[in-house]
Amino acid sequence: MTDTNTTAAKPASKARAAKAKAAPAGVTFPDFEAFALPKMEVPAAFREATEKGIENAREAYAKVKTAAEDATDLMEDTFETSRQGVVEFNHKAVDAAKTNADATFSFIKDIMSVKTLAEAIELQSTFARQQFDALSSQTKEMQELATKLGTDVSAPVKEAVEKSFKDLKVN
């Protein structure tokens, strides 16, 4: 029962404190001359310079905003191109690994069925030649894909940098 009385008293005391701080309705504060601002007219040249400065600031803000949006779009496009290229590169790598593993298992199966040492050496030589050719071909494909990926990723950045330098030369 004591708790309910103290909680009821707290809101009442806050309300009293707020009323005590508020000024009575009919009381006005006197104007002090020392705190009054002088009434002066702003010269037209100053007003024009201020307006021109504000307009220049707005234009600069618009340019910076546009540049930031362009940079963001460029980054998003670059990341998406990189992602797609890496996925394609990984698929090629997995395909190459599967092809090489299949060839190795086939070679092991064939080598287990040979009857003479001459057959084993011939089979080994043929397998080594085929694997060398396959690895050379796979390496060439991977190199071409990596080069294409590098070009695709760097082309938009290169274009944006060239455009920026052209814009700087114009201004």
N, C-alpha and C. Protein backbone atom coordinates (compact mmCIF):
# COMPACT_ATOMS: atom_id res chain seq x y z
N MET A 1 0.81 -1.18 0.00
CA MET A 1 0.00 0.00 0.00
C MET A 1 0.86 1.25 0.00
N THR A 2 2.01 1.18 0.59
CA THR A 2 2.91 2.32 0.63
C THR A 2 3.43 2.60 -0.78
N ASP A 3 3.64 1.55 -1.58
CA ASP A 3 4.17 1.74 -2.92
C ASP A 3 3.21 2.53 -3.80
N THR A 4 1.92 2.30 -3.66
CA THR A 4 0.96 3.03 -4.49
C THR A 4 0.93 4.50 -4.14
N ASN A 5 1.13 4.85 -2.89
CA ASN A 5 1.14 6.26 -2.50
C ASN A 5 2.37 6.98 -3.04
N THR A 6 3.52 6.34 -3.02
CA THR A 6 4.73 7.02 -3.51
C THR A 6 4.68 7.18 -5.02
N THR A 7 4.12 6.20 -5.74
CA THR A 7 4.04 6.35 -7.19
C THR A 7 3.03 7.41 -7.57
N ALA A 8 1.98 7.56 -6.79
CA ALA A 8 0.99 8.59 -7.09
C ALA A 8 1.55 9.97 -6.77
N ALA A 9 2.44 10.07 -5.80
CA ALA A 9 2.98 11.36 -5.40
C ALA A 9 3.99 11.87 -6.42
N LYS A 10 4.69 10.99 -7.06
CA LYS A 10 5.73 11.42 -8.00
C LYS A 10 5.16 12.19 -9.18
N PRO A 11 4.09 11.73 -9.86
CA PRO A 11 3.56 12.53 -10.97
C PRO A 11 3.03 13.87 -10.50
N ALA A 12 2.46 13.91 -9.33
CA ALA A 12 1.92 15.17 -8.83
C ALA A 12 3.05 16.16 -8.59
N SER A 13 4.17 15.71 -8.05
CA SER A 13 5.28 16.62 -7.77
C SER A 13 5.90 17.13 -9.07
N LYS A 14 5.93 16.32 -10.11
CA LYS A 14 6.44 16.77 -11.40
C LYS A 14 5.53 17.83 -11.99
N ALA A 15 4.24 17.64 -11.87
CA ALA A 15 3.29 18.61 -12.40
C ALA A 15 3.43 19.94 -11.67
N ARG A 16 3.62 19.89 -10.34
CA ARG A 16 3.80 21.13 -9.57
C ARG A 16 5.08 21.85 -9.97
N ALA A 17 6.13 21.09 -10.20
CA ALA A 17 7.39 21.70 -10.57
C ALA A 17 7.28 22.38 -11.93
N ALA A 18 6.54 21.77 -12.85
CA ALA A 18 6.36 22.37 -14.16
C ALA A 18 5.57 23.66 -14.07
N LYS A 19 4.55 23.70 -13.20
CA LYS A 19 3.75 24.92 -13.04
C LYS A 19 4.57 26.02 -12.39
N ALA A 20 5.45 25.66 -11.47
CA ALA A 20 6.25 26.65 -10.78
C ALA A 20 7.26 27.28 -11.73
N LYS A 21 7.78 26.52 -12.69
CA LYS A 21 8.77 27.05 -13.62
C LYS A 21 8.14 27.93 -14.68
N ALA A 22 6.91 27.67 -15.06
CA ALA A 22 6.24 28.44 -16.10
C ALA A 22 5.93 29.84 -15.58
N ALA A 23 6.11 30.82 -16.47
CA ALA A 23 5.83 32.20 -16.07
C ALA A 23 4.33 32.43 -16.07
N PRO A 24 3.86 33.31 -15.20
CA PRO A 24 2.44 33.64 -15.20
C PRO A 24 2.03 34.23 -16.55
N ALA A 25 0.77 34.06 -16.91
CA ALA A 25 0.29 34.43 -18.23
C ALA A 25 0.40 35.92 -18.51
N GLY A 26 0.19 36.77 -17.56
CA GLY A 26 0.17 38.20 -17.81
C GLY A 26 1.52 38.87 -17.71
N VAL A 27 2.57 38.16 -17.36
CA VAL A 27 3.88 38.78 -17.15
C VAL A 27 4.65 38.80 -18.46
N THR A 28 5.21 39.95 -18.81
CA THR A 28 6.06 40.07 -20.00
C THR A 28 7.43 40.52 -19.56
N PHE A 29 8.41 40.14 -20.31
CA PHE A 29 9.77 40.52 -19.99
C PHE A 29 10.10 41.82 -20.71
N PRO A 30 10.83 42.69 -20.05
CA PRO A 30 11.15 43.98 -20.68
C PRO A 30 12.17 43.79 -21.80
N ASP A 31 12.13 44.66 -22.81
CA ASP A 31 13.12 44.65 -23.88
C ASP A 31 14.32 45.45 -23.42
N PHE A 32 15.48 44.88 -23.54
CA PHE A 32 16.69 45.58 -23.18
C PHE A 32 17.36 46.07 -24.46
N GLU A 33 17.72 47.34 -24.50
CA GLU A 33 18.34 47.90 -25.69
C GLU A 33 19.69 47.25 -25.98
N ALA A 34 20.37 46.82 -24.97
CA ALA A 34 21.70 46.24 -25.15
C ALA A 34 21.65 44.94 -25.96
N PHE A 35 20.51 44.26 -25.86
CA PHE A 35 20.40 42.98 -26.56
C PHE A 35 19.66 43.09 -27.89
N ALA A 36 19.21 44.22 -28.26
CA ALA A 36 18.49 44.40 -29.52
C ALA A 36 19.49 44.42 -30.68
N LEU A 37 19.13 43.77 -31.78
CA LEU A 37 19.98 43.75 -32.96
C LEU A 37 19.72 45.01 -33.77
N PRO A 38 20.76 45.61 -34.30
CA PRO A 38 20.54 46.81 -35.10
C PRO A 38 19.82 46.45 -36.39
N LYS A 39 18.98 47.31 -36.83
CA LYS A 39 18.23 47.09 -38.06
C LYS A 39 19.04 47.71 -39.19
N MET A 40 19.58 46.85 -40.02
CA MET A 40 20.34 47.35 -41.16
C MET A 40 20.00 46.53 -42.38
N GLU A 41 20.10 47.16 -43.49
CA GLU A 41 19.77 46.49 -44.73
C GLU A 41 21.03 45.85 -45.31
N VAL A 42 20.87 44.64 -45.82
CA VAL A 42 21.99 43.92 -46.42
C VAL A 42 22.20 44.48 -47.82
N PRO A 43 23.42 44.86 -48.15
CA PRO A 43 23.68 45.42 -49.47
C PRO A 43 23.35 44.39 -50.57
N ALA A 44 22.92 44.88 -51.69
CA ALA A 44 22.53 44.02 -52.81
C ALA A 44 23.70 43.19 -53.31
N ALA A 45 24.90 43.75 -53.35
CA ALA A 45 26.07 43.01 -53.83
C ALA A 45 26.36 41.82 -52.90
N PHE A 46 26.25 42.06 -51.61
CA PHE A 46 26.48 40.97 -50.65
C PHE A 46 25.43 39.89 -50.80
N ARG A 47 24.19 40.31 -50.98
CA ARG A 47 23.09 39.35 -51.16
C ARG A 47 23.30 38.54 -52.44
N GLU A 48 23.70 39.22 -53.53
CA GLU A 48 23.95 38.51 -54.79
C GLU A 48 25.12 37.53 -54.65
N ALA A 49 26.18 37.97 -53.96
CA ALA A 49 27.34 37.09 -53.77
C ALA A 49 26.95 35.86 -52.95
N THR A 50 26.13 36.09 -51.93
CA THR A 50 25.67 34.98 -51.10
C THR A 50 24.82 34.02 -51.91
N GLU A 51 23.89 34.56 -52.69
CA GLU A 51 23.04 33.71 -53.52
C GLU A 51 23.87 32.94 -54.55
N LYS A 52 24.87 33.61 -55.12
CA LYS A 52 25.73 32.93 -56.10
C LYS A 52 26.55 31.83 -55.41
N GLY A 53 27.02 32.09 -54.21
CA GLY A 53 27.75 31.08 -53.45
C GLY A 53 26.87 29.88 -53.14
N ILE A 54 25.64 30.13 -52.77
CA ILE A 54 24.70 29.04 -52.48
C ILE A 54 24.43 28.24 -53.75
N GLU A 55 24.24 28.93 -54.86
CA GLU A 55 24.00 28.24 -56.13
C GLU A 55 25.21 27.40 -56.53
N ASN A 56 26.41 27.94 -56.36
CA ASN A 56 27.63 27.18 -56.67
C ASN A 56 27.75 25.96 -55.77
N ALA A 57 27.40 26.12 -54.51
CA ALA A 57 27.44 24.98 -53.58
C ALA A 57 26.44 23.91 -53.99
N ARG A 58 25.26 24.33 -54.43
CA ARG A 58 24.25 23.36 -54.89
C ARG A 58 24.75 22.62 -56.13
N GLU A 59 25.35 23.36 -57.06
CA GLU A 59 25.88 22.72 -58.27
C GLU A 59 27.00 21.75 -57.93
N ALA A 60 27.89 22.16 -57.03
CA ALA A 60 28.98 21.28 -56.62
C ALA A 60 28.44 20.04 -55.93
N TYR A 61 27.43 20.22 -55.09
CA TYR A 61 26.81 19.07 -54.41
C TYR A 61 26.20 18.13 -55.44
N ALA A 62 25.50 18.69 -56.43
CA ALA A 62 24.87 17.86 -57.46
C ALA A 62 25.94 17.07 -58.24
N LYS A 63 27.06 17.73 -58.54
CA LYS A 63 28.14 17.04 -59.26
C LYS A 63 28.74 15.92 -58.41
N VAL A 64 28.98 16.23 -57.15
CA VAL A 64 29.55 15.22 -56.25
C VAL A 64 28.58 14.06 -56.07
N LYS A 65 27.30 14.38 -55.94
CA LYS A 65 26.29 13.33 -55.78
C LYS A 65 26.25 12.45 -57.03
N THR A 66 26.27 13.06 -58.20
CA THR A 66 26.25 12.31 -59.45
C THR A 66 27.50 11.45 -59.57
N ALA A 67 28.65 12.03 -59.23
CA ALA A 67 29.90 11.26 -59.30
C ALA A 67 29.87 10.09 -58.33
N ALA A 68 29.33 10.30 -57.14
CA ALA A 68 29.25 9.21 -56.16
C ALA A 68 28.31 8.11 -56.65
N GLU A 69 27.19 8.50 -57.23
CA GLU A 69 26.25 7.51 -57.75
C GLU A 69 26.88 6.74 -58.91
N ASP A 70 27.59 7.45 -59.79
CA ASP A 70 28.27 6.79 -60.91
C ASP A 70 29.33 5.81 -60.40
N ALA A 71 30.08 6.25 -59.39
CA ALA A 71 31.12 5.37 -58.82
C ALA A 71 30.49 4.14 -58.18
N THR A 72 29.37 4.32 -57.51
CA THR A 72 28.68 3.19 -56.88
C THR A 72 28.19 2.22 -57.95
N ASP A 73 27.58 2.76 -59.01
CA ASP A 73 27.12 1.90 -60.11
C ASP A 73 28.29 1.16 -60.75
N LEU A 74 29.41 1.86 -60.92
CA LEU A 74 30.59 1.25 -61.51
C LEU A 74 31.10 0.11 -60.63
N MET A 75 31.15 0.35 -59.33
CA MET A 75 31.61 -0.69 -58.41
C MET A 75 30.68 -1.90 -58.45
N GLU A 76 29.36 -1.65 -58.45
CA GLU A 76 28.41 -2.76 -58.50
C GLU A 76 28.58 -3.57 -59.78
N ASP A 77 28.72 -2.86 -60.91
CA ASP A 77 28.90 -3.55 -62.18
C ASP A 77 30.21 -4.35 -62.20
N THR A 78 31.26 -3.75 -61.66
CA THR A 78 32.56 -4.42 -61.62
C THR A 78 32.50 -5.67 -60.76
N PHE A 79 31.87 -5.55 -59.59
CA PHE A 79 31.77 -6.71 -58.71
C PHE A 79 30.92 -7.82 -59.34
N GLU A 80 29.86 -7.45 -60.02
CA GLU A 80 29.01 -8.46 -60.66
C GLU A 80 29.76 -9.14 -61.80
N THR A 81 30.49 -8.37 -62.59
CA THR A 81 31.29 -8.95 -63.67
C THR A 81 32.36 -9.87 -63.10
N SER A 82 32.99 -9.44 -62.02
CA SER A 82 34.02 -10.28 -61.37
C SER A 82 33.40 -11.57 -60.86
N ARG A 83 32.25 -11.46 -60.23
CA ARG A 83 31.59 -12.64 -59.68
C ARG A 83 31.26 -13.63 -60.78
N GLN A 84 30.67 -13.13 -61.86
CA GLN A 84 30.31 -14.02 -62.97
C GLN A 84 31.56 -14.66 -63.58
N GLY A 85 32.62 -13.88 -63.74
CA GLY A 85 33.86 -14.41 -64.30
C GLY A 85 34.49 -15.47 -63.42
N VAL A 86 34.49 -15.23 -62.12
CA VAL A 86 35.07 -16.21 -61.19
C VAL A 86 34.25 -17.50 -61.19
N VAL A 87 32.93 -17.36 -61.26
CA VAL A 87 32.08 -18.56 -61.32
C VAL A 87 32.39 -19.35 -62.59
N GLU A 88 32.50 -18.66 -63.71
CA GLU A 88 32.80 -19.34 -64.97
C GLU A 88 34.19 -19.98 -64.91
N PHE A 89 35.15 -19.27 -64.34
CA PHE A 89 36.52 -19.80 -64.20
C PHE A 89 36.52 -21.05 -63.33
N ASN A 90 35.78 -21.01 -62.24
CA ASN A 90 35.70 -22.18 -61.34
C ASN A 90 35.04 -23.37 -62.04
N HIS A 91 34.01 -23.12 -62.85
CA HIS A 91 33.38 -24.21 -63.60
C HIS A 91 34.39 -24.86 -64.55
N LYS A 92 35.18 -24.01 -65.22
CA LYS A 92 36.20 -24.55 -66.13
C LYS A 92 37.22 -25.38 -65.36
N ALA A 93 37.62 -24.91 -64.19
CA ALA A 93 38.61 -25.64 -63.39
C ALA A 93 38.05 -26.98 -62.92
N VAL A 94 36.80 -26.98 -62.51
CA VAL A 94 36.17 -28.24 -62.07
C VAL A 94 36.03 -29.20 -63.25
N ASP A 95 35.64 -28.68 -64.40
CA ASP A 95 35.53 -29.53 -65.59
C ASP A 95 36.90 -30.13 -65.95
N ALA A 96 37.94 -29.32 -65.88
CA ALA A 96 39.29 -29.82 -66.19
C ALA A 96 39.71 -30.89 -65.19
N ALA A 97 39.44 -30.65 -63.92
CA ALA A 97 39.78 -31.64 -62.89
C ALA A 97 39.02 -32.95 -63.11
N LYS A 98 37.76 -32.86 -63.48
CA LYS A 98 36.96 -34.06 -63.74
C LYS A 98 37.50 -34.83 -64.94
N THR A 99 37.82 -34.10 -65.99
CA THR A 99 38.38 -34.73 -67.18
C THR A 99 39.70 -35.43 -66.85
N ASN A 100 40.55 -34.77 -66.09
CA ASN A 100 41.85 -35.37 -65.73
C ASN A 100 41.67 -36.57 -64.81
N ALA A 101 40.74 -36.49 -63.88
CA ALA A 101 40.49 -37.62 -62.98
C ALA A 101 39.92 -38.80 -63.75
N ASP A 102 39.00 -38.54 -64.66
CA ASP A 102 38.45 -39.63 -65.49
C ASP A 102 39.54 -40.30 -66.32
N ALA A 103 40.42 -39.48 -66.90
CA ALA A 103 41.52 -40.04 -67.71
C ALA A 103 42.46 -40.87 -66.83
N THR A 104 42.72 -40.41 -65.63
CA THR A 104 43.60 -41.16 -64.72
C THR A 104 42.97 -42.48 -64.31
N PHE A 105 41.68 -42.49 -63.98
CA PHE A 105 41.02 -43.73 -63.60
C PHE A 105 40.99 -44.71 -64.77
N SER A 106 40.77 -44.20 -65.97
CA SER A 106 40.77 -45.04 -67.15
C SER A 106 42.17 -45.64 -67.37
N PHE A 107 43.19 -44.82 -67.17
CA PHE A 107 44.56 -45.30 -67.32
C PHE A 107 44.86 -46.40 -66.29
N ILE A 108 44.44 -46.20 -65.04
CA ILE A 108 44.69 -47.19 -64.00
C ILE A 108 43.98 -48.51 -64.34
N LYS A 109 42.75 -48.39 -64.84
CA LYS A 109 42.01 -49.61 -65.23
C LYS A 109 42.74 -50.34 -66.35
N ASP A 110 43.21 -49.56 -67.34
CA ASP A 110 43.92 -50.18 -68.47
C ASP A 110 45.26 -50.76 -68.04
N ILE A 111 45.98 -50.08 -67.17
CA ILE A 111 47.31 -50.56 -66.75
C ILE A 111 47.20 -51.85 -65.95
N MET A 112 46.07 -52.03 -65.24
CA MET A 112 45.88 -53.25 -64.46
C MET A 112 45.61 -54.47 -65.35
N SER A 113 45.22 -54.23 -66.58
CA SER A 113 44.89 -55.35 -67.47
C SER A 113 46.01 -55.71 -68.44
N VAL A 114 47.17 -55.03 -68.35
CA VAL A 114 48.26 -55.34 -69.29
C VAL A 114 48.91 -56.69 -68.95
N LYS A 115 49.48 -57.34 -69.97
CA LYS A 115 50.09 -58.65 -69.80
C LYS A 115 51.63 -58.58 -69.77
N THR A 116 52.17 -57.57 -70.50
CA THR A 116 53.63 -57.48 -70.58
C THR A 116 54.11 -56.10 -70.16
N LEU A 117 55.40 -56.05 -69.88
CA LEU A 117 56.01 -54.78 -69.50
C LEU A 117 56.01 -53.82 -70.67
N ALA A 118 56.17 -54.33 -71.88
CA ALA A 118 56.17 -53.48 -73.08
C ALA A 118 54.82 -52.79 -73.24
N GLU A 119 53.73 -53.53 -72.99
CA GLU A 119 52.39 -52.92 -73.06
C GLU A 119 52.25 -51.82 -72.01
N ALA A 120 52.74 -52.06 -70.82
CA ALA A 120 52.65 -51.07 -69.73
C ALA A 120 53.41 -49.81 -70.09
N ILE A 121 54.61 -49.96 -70.65
CA ILE A 121 55.41 -48.79 -71.04
C ILE A 121 54.72 -48.03 -72.17
N GLU A 122 54.20 -48.76 -73.14
CA GLU A 122 53.48 -48.11 -74.25
C GLU A 122 52.25 -47.36 -73.73
N LEU A 123 51.50 -48.00 -72.86
CA LEU A 123 50.30 -47.38 -72.27
C LEU A 123 50.68 -46.13 -71.46
N GLN A 124 51.76 -46.24 -70.69
CA GLN A 124 52.22 -45.11 -69.88
C GLN A 124 52.65 -43.94 -70.77
N SER A 125 53.37 -44.24 -71.85
CA SER A 125 53.82 -43.20 -72.78
C SER A 125 52.64 -42.51 -73.44
N THR A 126 51.68 -43.30 -73.88
CA THR A 126 50.48 -42.74 -74.52
C THR A 126 49.70 -41.86 -73.53
N PHE A 127 49.54 -42.36 -72.32
CA PHE A 127 48.81 -41.59 -71.29
C PHE A 127 49.53 -40.28 -70.98
N ALA A 128 50.84 -40.34 -70.85
CA ALA A 128 51.60 -39.13 -70.53
C ALA A 128 51.47 -38.10 -71.65
N ARG A 129 51.55 -38.54 -72.90
CA ARG A 129 51.41 -37.63 -74.04
C ARG A 129 50.01 -37.01 -74.06
N GLN A 130 48.98 -37.85 -73.88
CA GLN A 130 47.60 -37.35 -73.87
C GLN A 130 47.38 -36.35 -72.73
N GLN A 131 47.90 -36.64 -71.56
CA GLN A 131 47.73 -35.74 -70.41
C GLN A 131 48.47 -34.42 -70.63
N PHE A 132 49.66 -34.51 -71.25
CA PHE A 132 50.40 -33.28 -71.54
C PHE A 132 49.61 -32.41 -72.50
N ASP A 133 49.06 -33.02 -73.56
CA ASP A 133 48.25 -32.27 -74.53
C ASP A 133 47.00 -31.70 -73.86
N ALA A 134 46.35 -32.51 -73.02
CA ALA A 134 45.13 -32.06 -72.34
C ALA A 134 45.45 -30.91 -71.38
N LEU A 135 46.51 -31.04 -70.61
CA LEU A 135 46.89 -29.97 -69.68
C LEU A 135 47.28 -28.69 -70.42
N SER A 136 47.96 -28.84 -71.54
CA SER A 136 48.32 -27.65 -72.35
C SER A 136 47.07 -26.95 -72.85
N SER A 137 46.14 -27.72 -73.34
CA SER A 137 44.87 -27.16 -73.84
C SER A 137 44.07 -26.51 -72.70
N GLN A 138 44.01 -27.19 -71.58
CA GLN A 138 43.27 -26.64 -70.43
C GLN A 138 43.92 -25.35 -69.91
N THR A 139 45.23 -25.34 -69.88
CA THR A 139 45.95 -24.15 -69.42
C THR A 139 45.69 -22.98 -70.36
N LYS A 140 45.70 -23.26 -71.66
CA LYS A 140 45.43 -22.20 -72.65
C LYS A 140 44.01 -21.65 -72.46
N GLU A 141 43.03 -22.53 -72.29
CA GLU A 141 41.64 -22.10 -72.07
C GLU A 141 41.52 -21.25 -70.80
N MET A 142 42.18 -21.70 -69.73
CA MET A 142 42.10 -20.97 -68.46
C MET A 142 42.77 -19.60 -68.59
N GLN A 143 43.89 -19.55 -69.32
CA GLN A 143 44.58 -18.28 -69.52
C GLN A 143 43.72 -17.32 -70.33
N GLU A 144 43.09 -17.82 -71.39
CA GLU A 144 42.21 -16.98 -72.20
C GLU A 144 41.03 -16.47 -71.37
N LEU A 145 40.46 -17.35 -70.55
CA LEU A 145 39.34 -16.94 -69.70
C LEU A 145 39.78 -15.90 -68.67
N ALA A 146 40.95 -16.10 -68.08
CA ALA A 146 41.46 -15.13 -67.10
C ALA A 146 41.74 -13.78 -67.77
N THR A 147 42.28 -13.80 -68.96
CA THR A 147 42.54 -12.55 -69.71
C THR A 147 41.23 -11.84 -70.04
N LYS A 148 40.25 -12.61 -70.49
CA LYS A 148 38.93 -12.04 -70.79
C LYS A 148 38.31 -11.44 -69.54
N LEU A 149 38.41 -12.14 -68.42
CA LEU A 149 37.86 -11.65 -67.16
C LEU A 149 38.55 -10.34 -66.76
N GLY A 150 39.86 -10.30 -66.86
CA GLY A 150 40.60 -9.08 -66.52
C GLY A 150 40.18 -7.91 -67.40
N THR A 151 40.01 -8.18 -68.68
CA THR A 151 39.59 -7.13 -69.61
C THR A 151 38.17 -6.67 -69.31
N ASP A 152 37.27 -7.62 -69.07
CA ASP A 152 35.88 -7.28 -68.78
C ASP A 152 35.75 -6.47 -67.49
N VAL A 153 36.56 -6.79 -66.50
CA VAL A 153 36.49 -6.08 -65.23
C VAL A 153 37.11 -4.69 -65.33
N SER A 154 38.22 -4.59 -66.05
CA SER A 154 38.94 -3.31 -66.09
C SER A 154 38.37 -2.34 -67.13
N ALA A 155 37.65 -2.82 -68.12
CA ALA A 155 37.14 -1.94 -69.18
C ALA A 155 36.22 -0.84 -68.63
N PRO A 156 35.22 -1.14 -67.81
CA PRO A 156 34.37 -0.05 -67.30
C PRO A 156 35.15 0.94 -66.43
N VAL A 157 36.10 0.45 -65.67
CA VAL A 157 36.90 1.35 -64.83
C VAL A 157 37.74 2.26 -65.71
N LYS A 158 38.34 1.69 -66.73
CA LYS A 158 39.15 2.48 -67.67
C LYS A 158 38.31 3.55 -68.34
N GLU A 159 37.11 3.18 -68.79
CA GLU A 159 36.22 4.15 -69.43
C GLU A 159 35.83 5.27 -68.47
N ALA A 160 35.55 4.91 -67.22
CA ALA A 160 35.16 5.92 -66.24
C ALA A 160 36.30 6.88 -65.95
N VAL A 161 37.52 6.35 -65.85
CA VAL A 161 38.68 7.21 -65.59
C VAL A 161 38.91 8.14 -66.78
N GLU A 162 38.82 7.61 -67.99
CA GLU A 162 38.99 8.44 -69.18
C GLU A 162 37.93 9.53 -69.25
N LYS A 163 36.69 9.19 -68.93
CA LYS A 163 35.60 10.17 -68.92
C LYS A 163 35.86 11.25 -67.87
N SER A 164 36.36 10.86 -66.72
CA SER A 164 36.66 11.82 -65.67
C SER A 164 37.74 12.79 -66.10
N PHE A 165 38.78 12.29 -66.76
CA PHE A 165 39.85 13.17 -67.22
C PHE A 165 39.34 14.10 -68.32
N LYS A 166 38.48 13.60 -69.19
CA LYS A 166 37.90 14.47 -70.22
C LYS A 166 37.07 15.57 -69.58
N ASP A 167 36.29 15.21 -68.57
CA ASP A 167 35.47 16.21 -67.86
C ASP A 167 36.35 17.24 -67.17
N LEU A 168 37.47 16.81 -66.62
CA LEU A 168 38.39 17.74 -65.96
C LEU A 168 39.02 18.70 -66.97
N LYS A 169 39.37 18.17 -68.14
CA LYS A 169 39.97 19.02 -69.17
C LYS A 169 38.98 20.06 -69.68
N VAL A 170 37.71 19.68 -69.78
CA VAL A 170 36.68 20.61 -70.25
C VAL A 170 36.48 21.71 -69.23
N ASN A 171 36.44 21.38 -67.96
CA ASN A 171 36.22 22.38 -66.92
C ASN A 171 37.51 23.08 -66.68
